[in-house]
PDB file of N, CA and C in Angstrom:
ATOM      1  N   MET A   1      19.567  -1.394   1.459  1.00  0.00           N
ATOM      2  CA  MET A   1      18.589  -2.891   1.359  1.00  0.00           C
ATOM      3  C   MET A   1      19.110  -4.131   1.252  1.00  0.00           C
ATOM      4  N   GLU A   2      18.498  -5.123   1.282  1.00  0.00           N
ATOM      5  CA  GLU A   2      19.318  -6.294   1.458  1.00  0.00           C
ATOM      6  C   GLU A   2      18.378  -7.315   0.383  1.00  0.00           C
ATOM      7  N   GLU A   3      18.962  -8.012  -0.404  1.00  0.00           N
ATOM      8  CA  GLU A   3      18.799  -8.501  -1.584  1.00  0.00           C
ATOM      9  C   GLU A   3      17.214  -9.491  -1.316  1.00  0.00           C
ATOM     10  N   LYS A   4      17.434  -9.681  -0.454  1.00  0.00           N
ATOM     11  CA  LYS A   4      16.203 -10.717   0.140  1.00  0.00           C
ATOM     12  C   LYS A   4      14.992  -9.718   0.553  1.00  0.00           C
ATOM     13  N   GLU A   5      15.174  -8.212   1.086  1.00  0.00           N
ATOM     14  CA  GLU A   5      14.611  -7.243   1.463  1.00  0.00           C
ATOM     15  C   GLU A   5      13.638  -6.840   0.319  1.00  0.00           C
ATOM     16  N   LYS A   6      14.562  -6.568  -1.414  1.00  0.00           N
ATOM     17  CA  LYS A   6      13.849  -6.385  -2.152  1.00  0.00           C
ATOM     18  C   LYS A   6      13.547  -7.616  -2.894  1.00  0.00           C
ATOM     19  N   LYS A   7      13.360  -8.215  -3.096  1.00  0.00           N
ATOM     20  CA  LYS A   7      12.544  -9.501  -3.166  1.00  0.00           C
ATOM     21  C   LYS A   7      11.451  -9.498  -2.474  1.00  0.00           C
ATOM     22  N   ILE A   8      11.307  -9.330  -1.440  1.00  0.00           N
ATOM     23  CA  ILE A   8       9.633  -9.158  -0.572  1.00  0.00           C
ATOM     24  C   ILE A   8       9.575  -8.274  -1.435  1.00  0.00           C
ATOM     25  N   LEU A   9       9.514  -7.133  -1.342  1.00  0.00           N
ATOM     26  CA  LEU A   9       8.998  -5.695  -1.582  1.00  0.00           C
ATOM     27  C   LEU A   9       8.712  -6.220  -3.213  1.00  0.00           C
ATOM     28  N   GLU A  10       9.309  -6.655  -4.252  1.00  0.00           N
ATOM     29  CA  GLU A  10       8.898  -6.914  -5.206  1.00  0.00           C
ATOM     30  C   GLU A  10       7.728  -7.756  -5.682  1.00  0.00           C
ATOM     31  N   ALA A  11       7.604  -8.602  -4.389  1.00  0.00           N
ATOM     32  CA  ALA A  11       6.708  -9.630  -4.505  1.00  0.00           C
ATOM     33  C   ALA A  11       5.150  -9.344  -4.130  1.00  0.00           C
ATOM     34  N   PHE A  12       5.141  -7.978  -3.228  1.00  0.00           N
ATOM     35  CA  PHE A  12       4.372  -7.193  -3.106  1.00  0.00           C
ATOM     36  C   PHE A  12       3.585  -6.267  -3.734  1.00  0.00           C
ATOM     37  N   LYS A  13       4.730  -5.656  -4.247  1.00  0.00           N
ATOM     38  CA  LYS A  13       4.589  -4.947  -6.363  1.00  0.00           C
ATOM     39  C   LYS A  13       3.640  -5.554  -7.015  1.00  0.00           C
ATOM     40  N   LYS A  14       4.344  -6.957  -7.562  1.00  0.00           N
ATOM     41  CA  LYS A  14       3.654  -7.666  -8.063  1.00  0.00           C
ATOM     42  C   LYS A  14       2.245  -8.475  -8.228  1.00  0.00           C
ATOM     43  N   ALA A  15       1.971  -8.670  -6.844  1.00  0.00           N
ATOM     44  CA  ALA A  15       0.403  -9.163  -6.488  1.00  0.00           C
ATOM     45  C   ALA A  15      -0.422  -7.758  -6.708  1.00  0.00           C
ATOM     46  N   GLY A  16      -0.171  -7.117  -5.754  1.00  0.00           N
ATOM     47  CA  GLY A  16      -1.242  -5.823  -6.180  1.00  0.00           C
ATOM     48  C   GLY A  16      -2.356  -5.647  -4.865  1.00  0.00           C
ATOM     49  N   LYS A  17      -2.236  -6.968  -4.366  1.00  0.00           N
ATOM     50  CA  LYS A  17      -2.830  -7.043  -2.746  1.00  0.00           C
ATOM     51  C   LYS A  17      -2.000  -7.620  -2.055  1.00  0.00           C
ATOM     52  N   PRO A  18      -2.638  -7.436  -0.766  1.00  0.00           N
ATOM     53  CA  PRO A  18      -1.977  -7.664   0.650  1.00  0.00           C
ATOM     54  C   PRO A  18      -2.138  -9.473   0.626  1.00  0.00           C
ATOM     55  N   LEU A  19      -0.595  -9.329   1.051  1.00  0.00           N
ATOM     56  CA  LEU A  19      -0.338 -11.164   0.794  1.00  0.00           C
ATOM     57  C   LEU A  19       0.114 -11.660   2.836  1.00  0.00           C
ATOM     58  N   ARG A  20       0.033 -12.905   2.806  1.00  0.00           N
ATOM     59  CA  ARG A  20       0.366 -13.811   4.143  1.00  0.00           C
ATOM     60  C   ARG A  20       1.857 -13.684   3.637  1.00  0.00           C
ATOM     61  N   PRO A  21       2.815 -14.144   4.876  1.00  0.00           N
ATOM     62  CA  PRO A  21       4.035 -14.478   4.708  1.00  0.00           C
ATOM     63  C   PRO A  21       4.080 -15.907   3.901  1.00  0.00           C
ATOM     64  N   GLY A  22       3.580 -16.630   3.882  1.00  0.00           N
ATOM     65  CA  GLY A  22       3.407 -17.730   3.229  1.00  0.00           C
ATOM     66  C   GLY A  22       3.345 -17.652   2.430  1.00  0.00           C
ATOM     67  N   ASP A  23       2.729 -16.674   1.695  1.00  0.00           N
ATOM     68  CA  ASP A  23       2.316 -16.271   0.301  1.00  0.00           C
ATOM     69  C   ASP A  23       4.011 -15.472  -0.305  1.00  0.00           C
ATOM     70  N   ILE A  24       4.390 -14.980   0.570  1.00  0.00           N
ATOM     71  CA  ILE A  24       5.824 -14.614   0.116  1.00  0.00           C
ATOM     72  C   ILE A  24       6.646 -15.349  -0.341  1.00  0.00           C
ATOM     73  N   ALA A  25       6.457 -16.427   0.768  1.00  0.00           N
ATOM     74  CA  ALA A  25       7.710 -17.581   0.705  1.00  0.00           C
ATOM     75  C   ALA A  25       7.921 -18.266  -0.851  1.00  0.00           C
ATOM     76  N   GLU A  26       6.332 -17.989  -0.731  1.00  0.00           N
ATOM     77  CA  GLU A  26       6.214 -19.293  -2.026  1.00  0.00           C
ATOM     78  C   GLU A  26       6.402 -18.627  -3.248  1.00  0.00           C
ATOM     79  N   MET A  27       6.942 -17.405  -3.633  1.00  0.00           N
ATOM     80  CA  MET A  27       6.770 -16.365  -4.545  1.00  0.00           C
ATOM     81  C   MET A  27       8.081 -15.956  -4.860  1.00  0.00           C
ATOM     82  N   THR A  28       8.242 -15.916  -3.700  1.00  0.00           N
ATOM     83  CA  THR A  28      10.479 -16.004  -3.724  1.00  0.00           C
ATOM     84  C   THR A  28      11.402 -16.756  -3.374  1.00  0.00           C
ATOM     85  N   GLY A  29      10.260 -17.635  -3.118  1.00  0.00           N
ATOM     86  CA  GLY A  29      11.674 -19.102  -2.654  1.00  0.00           C
ATOM     87  C   GLY A  29      12.467 -19.205  -1.342  1.00  0.00           C
ATOM     88  N   ILE A  30      12.071 -18.016  -0.747  1.00  0.00           N
ATOM     89  CA  ILE A  30      12.753 -17.986   0.768  1.00  0.00           C
ATOM     90  C   ILE A  30      11.802 -18.213   1.951  1.00  0.00           C
ATOM     91  N   ASP A  31      12.630 -18.302   2.574  1.00  0.00           N
ATOM     92  CA  ASP A  31      12.121 -19.290   3.597  1.00  0.00           C
ATOM     93  C   ASP A  31      11.122 -18.933   4.613  1.00  0.00           C
ATOM     94  N   LYS A  32       9.940 -19.388   5.018  1.00  0.00           N
ATOM     95  CA  LYS A  32       8.700 -18.693   5.435  1.00  0.00           C
ATOM     96  C   LYS A  32       8.980 -17.761   6.687  1.00  0.00           C
ATOM     97  N   LYS A  33      10.258 -18.602   8.019  1.00  0.00           N
ATOM     98  CA  LYS A  33      10.278 -17.767   8.996  1.00  0.00           C
ATOM     99  C   LYS A  33      11.181 -16.922   8.243  1.00  0.00           C
ATOM    100  N   GLU A  34      12.464 -16.924   7.777  1.00  0.00           N
ATOM    101  CA  GLU A  34      13.064 -15.525   7.271  1.00  0.00           C
ATOM    102  C   GLU A  34      12.424 -14.732   6.986  1.00  0.00           C
ATOM    103  N   VAL A  35      11.280 -14.597   6.053  1.00  0.00           N
ATOM    104  CA  VAL A  35      10.104 -13.836   5.346  1.00  0.00           C
ATOM    105  C   VAL A  35       9.601 -13.194   6.380  1.00  0.00           C
ATOM    106  N   SER A  36       9.225 -13.715   7.488  1.00  0.00           N
ATOM    107  CA  SER A  36       8.555 -12.952   8.341  1.00  0.00           C
ATOM    108  C   SER A  36       9.031 -12.287   9.599  1.00  0.00           C
ATOM    109  N   LYS A  37      10.986 -13.035   9.537  1.00  0.00           N
ATOM    110  CA  LYS A  37      11.145 -11.592  10.148  1.00  0.00           C
ATOM    111  C   LYS A  37      11.993 -10.773   9.196  1.00  0.00           C
ATOM    112  N   ILE A  38      11.897 -10.817   7.980  1.00  0.00           N
ATOM    113  CA  ILE A  38      12.205  -9.251   7.566  1.00  0.00           C
ATOM    114  C   ILE A  38      10.747  -8.537   7.060  1.00  0.00           C
ATOM    115  N   ILE A  39       9.672  -8.956   7.113  1.00  0.00           N
ATOM    116  CA  ILE A  39       8.496  -8.698   7.025  1.00  0.00           C
ATOM    117  C   ILE A  39       8.353  -7.700   8.445  1.00  0.00           C
ATOM    118  N   LYS A  40       9.061  -8.030   9.290  1.00  0.00           N
ATOM    119  CA  LYS A  40       8.526  -7.839  11.126  1.00  0.00           C
ATOM    120  C   LYS A  40      10.034  -6.110  10.622  1.00  0.00           C
ATOM    121  N   LYS A  41      11.228  -6.320  10.121  1.00  0.00           N
ATOM    122  CA  LYS A  41      11.820  -5.575  10.054  1.00  0.00           C
ATOM    123  C   LYS A  41      11.330  -4.413   9.453  1.00  0.00           C
ATOM    124  N   LEU A  42      10.820  -4.770   7.905  1.00  0.00           N
ATOM    125  CA  LEU A  42      10.176  -3.523   6.941  1.00  0.00           C
ATOM    126  C   LEU A  42       9.440  -3.011   7.534  1.00  0.00           C
ATOM    127  N   LYS A  43       8.517  -3.730   8.415  1.00  0.00           N
ATOM    128  CA  LYS A  43       7.206  -2.740   9.154  1.00  0.00           C
ATOM    129  C   LYS A  43       7.982  -1.832   9.993  1.00  0.00           C
ATOM    130  N   GLU A  44       8.306  -2.643  11.045  1.00  0.00           N
ATOM    131  CA  GLU A  44       9.139  -1.553  11.771  1.00  0.00           C
ATOM    132  C   GLU A  44      10.092  -0.106  10.828  1.00  0.00           C
ATOM    133  N   GLU A  45      10.583  -0.370  10.489  1.00  0.00           N
ATOM    134  CA  GLU A  45      10.818   0.870   9.228  1.00  0.00           C
ATOM    135  C   GLU A  45       9.790   1.514   8.160  1.00  0.00           C
ATOM    136  N   GLY A  46       8.424   0.867   8.741  1.00  0.00           N
ATOM    137  CA  GLY A  46       7.362   1.618   8.346  1.00  0.00           C
ATOM    138  C   GLY A  46       7.420   1.762   6.210  1.00  0.00           C
ATOM    139  N   LYS A  47       8.009   0.230   5.963  1.00  0.00           N
ATOM    140  CA  LYS A  47       8.004   0.371   4.623  1.00  0.00           C
ATOM    141  C   LYS A  47       7.122  -0.628   4.027  1.00  0.00           C
ATOM    142  N   ILE A  48       6.383  -1.616   5.133  1.00  0.00           N
ATOM    143  CA  ILE A  48       5.399  -2.065   4.691  1.00  0.00           C
ATOM    144  C   ILE A  48       4.015  -1.688   6.018  1.00  0.00           C
ATOM    145  N   ILE A  49       2.711  -2.242   5.656  1.00  0.00           N
ATOM    146  CA  ILE A  49       1.713  -2.027   6.812  1.00  0.00           C
ATOM    147  C   ILE A  49       0.981  -3.256   6.684  1.00  0.00           C
ATOM    148  N   SER A  50      -0.230  -3.148   7.790  1.00  0.00           N
ATOM    149  CA  SER A  50      -0.762  -4.722   7.797  1.00  0.00           C
ATOM    150  C   SER A  50      -2.011  -3.944   7.772  1.00  0.00           C
ATOM    151  N   PRO A  51      -2.598  -4.335   6.460  1.00  0.00           N
ATOM    152  CA  PRO A  51      -4.036  -3.635   6.674  1.00  0.00           C
ATOM    153  C   PRO A  51      -4.876  -4.313   7.552  1.00  0.00           C
ATOM    154  N   LYS A  52      -4.765  -6.205   7.289  1.00  0.00           N
ATOM    155  CA  LYS A  52      -5.389  -6.961   8.257  1.00  0.00           C
ATOM    156  C   LYS A  52      -4.880  -7.985   9.077  1.00  0.00           C
ATOM    157  N   ARG A  53      -4.852  -8.581   9.689  1.00  0.00           N
ATOM    158  CA  ARG A  53      -4.186  -9.817  10.959  1.00  0.00           C
ATOM    159  C   ARG A  53      -3.723 -10.651   9.736  1.00  0.00           C
ATOM    160  N   CYS A  54      -2.498 -10.526  10.047  1.00  0.00           N
ATOM    161  CA  CYS A  54      -1.279 -11.954   9.561  1.00  0.00           C
ATOM    162  C   CYS A  54      -1.341 -11.062   7.920  1.00  0.00           C
ATOM    163  N   PHE A  55      -2.327 -10.615   7.645  1.00  0.00           N
ATOM    164  CA  PHE A  55      -1.542  -9.677   5.859  1.00  0.00           C
ATOM    165  C   PHE A  55      -0.829  -8.683   5.988  1.00  0.00           C
ATOM    166  N   TYR A  56       0.376  -8.349   5.277  1.00  0.00           N
ATOM    167  CA  TYR A  56       0.836  -7.340   4.615  1.00  0.00           C
ATOM    168  C   TYR A  56       0.666  -6.935   3.205  1.00  0.00           C
ATOM    169  N   ALA A  57       0.898  -4.994   3.185  1.00  0.00           N
ATOM    170  CA  ALA A  57       1.316  -4.753   1.804  1.00  0.00           C
ATOM    171  C   ALA A  57       2.300  -3.244   1.817  1.00  0.00           C
ATOM    172  N   PRO A  58       2.550  -3.118   0.710  1.00  0.00           N
ATOM    173  CA  PRO A  58       3.465  -2.176   1.068  1.00  0.00           C
ATOM    174  C   PRO A  58       3.142  -0.695   1.372  1.00  0.00           C
ATOM    175  N   ALA A  59       3.672   0.144   2.284  1.00  0.00           N
ATOM    176  CA  ALA A  59       3.002   1.364   2.730  1.00  0.00           C
ATOM    177  C   ALA A  59       3.173   2.475   1.286  1.00  0.00           C
ATOM    178  N   LYS A  60       2.272   3.343   1.349  1.00  0.00           N
ATOM    179  CA  LYS A  60       1.970   3.844  -0.237  1.00  0.00           C
ATOM    180  C   LYS A  60       3.000   5.349  -0.085  1.00  0.00           C
TER     181      LYS A  60
END
């Protein structure tokens, strides 16, 4: 797993609630477009889910 992927998963854990890509970009300092790309990849791997439109959370 890449460093940025770890940072994004950590941000989800710290927040404890579903987040938007923009929120994660602010928390991690990673560019919003890059956050969106990584979220897409993590979602395909089953590591995160989308409980509602445009919000994401770690898969249990």
